[in-house]
Protein backbone atom coordinates (compact mmCIF):
# COMPACT_ATOMS: atom_id res chain seq x y z
CA UNK A 1 125.21 122.69 59.05
CA UNK A 2 127.58 122.32 61.98
CA UNK A 3 127.38 119.74 64.73
CA UNK A 4 126.22 122.55 67.05
CA UNK A 5 123.05 122.74 64.94
CA UNK A 6 122.34 119.04 65.50
CA UNK A 7 121.01 117.04 68.44
CA UNK A 8 121.20 113.39 69.35
CA UNK A 9 118.12 111.19 68.80
CA UNK A 10 117.74 107.42 69.04
CA UNK A 11 116.63 104.90 66.45
CA UNK A 12 115.27 101.56 67.57
CA UNK A 13 115.89 99.09 64.78
CA UNK A 14 113.51 96.22 64.01
CA UNK A 15 115.89 93.80 65.77
CA UNK A 16 115.59 95.98 68.96
CA UNK A 17 119.12 97.39 68.68
CA UNK A 18 119.33 101.09 69.51
CA UNK A 19 121.62 103.49 67.69
CA UNK A 20 122.48 107.15 68.16
CA UNK A 21 121.81 109.49 65.30
CA UNK A 22 121.77 113.24 64.70
CA UNK A 23 119.00 115.51 63.45
CA UNK A 24 118.75 119.23 62.91
CA UNK A 25 117.87 121.24 66.01
CA UNK A 26 115.20 123.07 64.03
CA UNK A 27 113.32 119.89 63.02
CA UNK A 28 109.58 120.46 63.50
CA UNK A 29 108.59 117.69 65.93
CA UNK A 30 104.88 118.43 65.50
CA UNK A 31 104.99 118.00 61.70
CA UNK A 32 107.87 115.63 61.08
CA UNK A 33 108.97 115.67 57.45
CA UNK A 34 110.30 112.21 56.60
CA UNK A 35 112.16 113.62 53.59
CA UNK A 36 114.45 115.57 55.94
CA UNK A 37 115.37 112.48 57.96
CA UNK A 38 114.83 109.55 55.57
CA UNK A 39 118.56 108.75 55.63
CA UNK A 40 118.19 107.69 59.31
CA UNK A 41 115.92 104.73 58.60
CA UNK A 42 116.94 101.29 57.35
CA UNK A 43 113.39 99.90 57.43
CA UNK A 44 110.19 101.92 57.15
CA UNK A 45 106.53 101.02 57.40
CA UNK A 46 103.72 101.95 55.03
CA UNK A 47 102.46 105.51 54.72
CA UNK A 48 103.70 108.57 56.56
CA UNK A 49 105.69 108.50 59.75
CA UNK A 50 103.56 109.55 62.73
CA UNK A 51 104.08 110.65 66.29
CA UNK A 52 102.31 108.03 68.38
CA UNK A 53 102.99 108.71 72.02
CA UNK A 54 104.54 111.21 74.41
CA UNK A 55 105.73 110.39 77.91
CA UNK A 56 106.75 112.94 80.53
CA UNK A 57 110.14 112.36 82.10
CA UNK A 58 111.14 115.05 84.59
CA UNK A 59 110.81 118.34 82.69
CA UNK A 60 111.18 116.66 79.29
CA UNK A 61 108.95 114.79 76.87
CA UNK A 62 110.00 111.51 75.26
CA UNK A 63 108.20 110.99 71.94
CA UNK A 64 108.13 108.04 69.59
CA UNK A 65 107.62 108.23 65.86
CA UNK A 66 107.01 105.33 63.55
CA UNK A 67 104.55 103.28 61.56
CA UNK A 68 101.75 100.97 62.68
CA UNK A 69 101.26 99.58 59.20
CA UNK A 70 103.77 97.64 57.16
CA UNK A 71 104.77 94.40 55.52
CA UNK A 72 105.18 91.06 57.25
CA UNK A 73 108.77 90.61 58.33
CA UNK A 74 109.22 94.33 58.99
CA UNK A 75 107.72 94.27 62.50
CA UNK A 76 109.69 96.06 65.17
CA UNK A 77 110.24 93.59 68.01
CA UNK A 78 110.81 96.28 70.66
CA UNK A 79 108.52 96.20 73.68
CA UNK A 80 107.51 99.76 74.42
CA UNK A 81 106.10 100.94 77.74
CA UNK A 82 102.36 101.43 78.33
CA UNK A 83 100.16 102.50 76.65
CA UNK A 84 102.10 101.44 73.54
CA UNK A 85 103.01 98.00 74.94
CA UNK A 86 100.26 96.20 73.02
CA UNK A 87 100.69 98.00 69.68
CA UNK A 88 102.61 96.57 66.74
CA UNK A 89 105.10 98.84 64.99
CA UNK A 90 106.74 98.38 61.60
CA UNK A 91 110.18 99.58 60.62
CA UNK A 92 112.53 101.62 62.75
CA UNK A 93 111.20 103.72 65.63
CA UNK A 94 112.51 107.25 66.18
CA UNK A 95 112.84 108.45 69.79
CA UNK A 96 113.09 112.19 70.43
CA UNK A 97 113.53 114.06 73.70
CA UNK A 98 112.13 117.57 73.83
CA UNK A 99 111.25 120.48 76.05
CA UNK A 100 108.32 122.23 74.43
CA UNK A 101 109.22 122.49 70.74
CA UNK A 102 112.97 122.36 71.41
CA UNK A 103 114.65 119.04 70.64
CA UNK A 104 117.16 118.03 73.30
CA UNK A 105 119.97 115.47 73.21
CA UNK A 106 118.89 112.00 74.31
CA UNK A 107 121.39 109.36 75.37
CA UNK A 108 121.07 105.61 75.74
CA UNK A 109 121.22 106.15 79.49
CA UNK A 110 118.27 108.59 79.28
CA UNK A 111 116.32 106.02 77.29
CA UNK A 112 117.05 103.15 79.69
CA UNK A 113 116.08 105.34 82.67
CA UNK A 114 112.85 106.24 80.88
CA UNK A 115 112.04 102.57 80.17
CA UNK A 116 112.76 101.59 83.76
CA UNK A 117 110.61 104.39 85.18
CA UNK A 118 107.77 103.71 82.71
CA UNK A 119 107.71 100.04 83.70
CA UNK A 120 107.47 100.82 87.40
CA UNK A 121 111.15 100.41 88.16
CA UNK A 122 111.63 96.99 86.55
CA UNK A 123 113.21 96.97 83.13
CA UNK A 124 112.77 93.20 82.74
CA UNK A 125 109.36 92.50 84.17
CA UNK A 126 109.23 88.95 82.79
CA UNK A 127 111.98 87.69 85.08
CA UNK A 128 110.18 89.09 88.12
CA UNK A 129 107.03 87.19 87.16
CA UNK A 130 108.96 83.94 86.90
CA UNK A 131 110.49 84.36 90.36
CA UNK A 132 107.13 85.25 91.87
CA UNK A 133 105.47 82.20 90.33
CA UNK A 134 108.02 79.79 91.79
CA UNK A 135 107.89 81.57 95.15
CA UNK A 136 104.11 81.20 95.20
CA UNK A 137 104.39 77.46 94.54
CA UNK A 138 106.86 76.97 97.38
CA UNK A 139 104.83 79.13 99.73
CA UNK A 140 101.74 77.02 99.04
CA UNK A 141 103.61 73.79 99.74
CA UNK A 142 105.01 75.04 103.04
CA UNK A 143 102.05 76.91 104.48
CA UNK A 144 98.90 75.17 103.28
CA UNK A 145 97.74 72.01 105.04
CA UNK A 146 94.91 69.59 104.43
CA UNK A 147 92.49 69.42 107.34
CA UNK A 148 91.10 65.96 108.07
CA UNK A 149 87.77 66.36 109.89
CA UNK A 150 87.56 62.66 110.77
CA UNK A 151 90.01 63.06 113.66
CA UNK A 152 87.90 65.82 115.20
CA UNK A 153 84.96 63.41 115.55
CA UNK A 154 87.10 61.21 117.81
CA UNK A 155 87.48 64.17 120.18
CA UNK A 156 83.77 63.95 120.97
CA UNK A 157 84.08 60.58 122.64
CA UNK A 158 83.66 58.54 119.49
CA UNK A 159 80.12 59.76 118.85
CA UNK A 160 79.10 60.19 115.27
CA UNK A 161 77.28 63.21 113.95
CA UNK A 162 73.98 61.34 113.85
CA UNK A 163 74.23 60.22 117.51
CA UNK A 164 75.14 63.77 118.54
CA UNK A 165 72.10 65.14 116.78
CA UNK A 166 69.97 62.41 118.37
CA UNK A 167 71.20 63.51 121.77
CA UNK A 168 70.25 67.09 121.05
CA UNK A 169 66.85 65.97 119.82
CA UNK A 170 66.22 63.85 122.94
CA UNK A 171 66.88 66.82 125.26
CA UNK A 172 64.14 68.89 123.69
């Protein structure tokens, strides 16, 4: 098989590192046969590899394949975009870009653009939250004041609430 017959895919290792790898162009992405690509994986989960999610990116589809069952210590620490952001994966995760059934080359740049777009334009959402929290604290300190009602009573000629209500009662 020549390099023309192969396309670039990405593997996300359990330590979150991402590596380029090659697979056959004629790989069936709907029925992935792990035996044909087992040499790609350093760490695998339990059972068969499965296609878990597809995301649309322009005219392409980004798909992830992996395992949601495995042994302790084999968890993949990668944070995937919604709706997979709360799921736990085991072993390496395979990322494939396709157009219909045709596998297309995916680059690290493609993947980073996909992650950024999937997260609403912010690749590192956690740092935004931290800035917002501290901004909120400062905004509260600068803009919020405590209102002391006792000084407003003095504006009524020193009358207390009870004497004001007595005055209203006397007029009736």
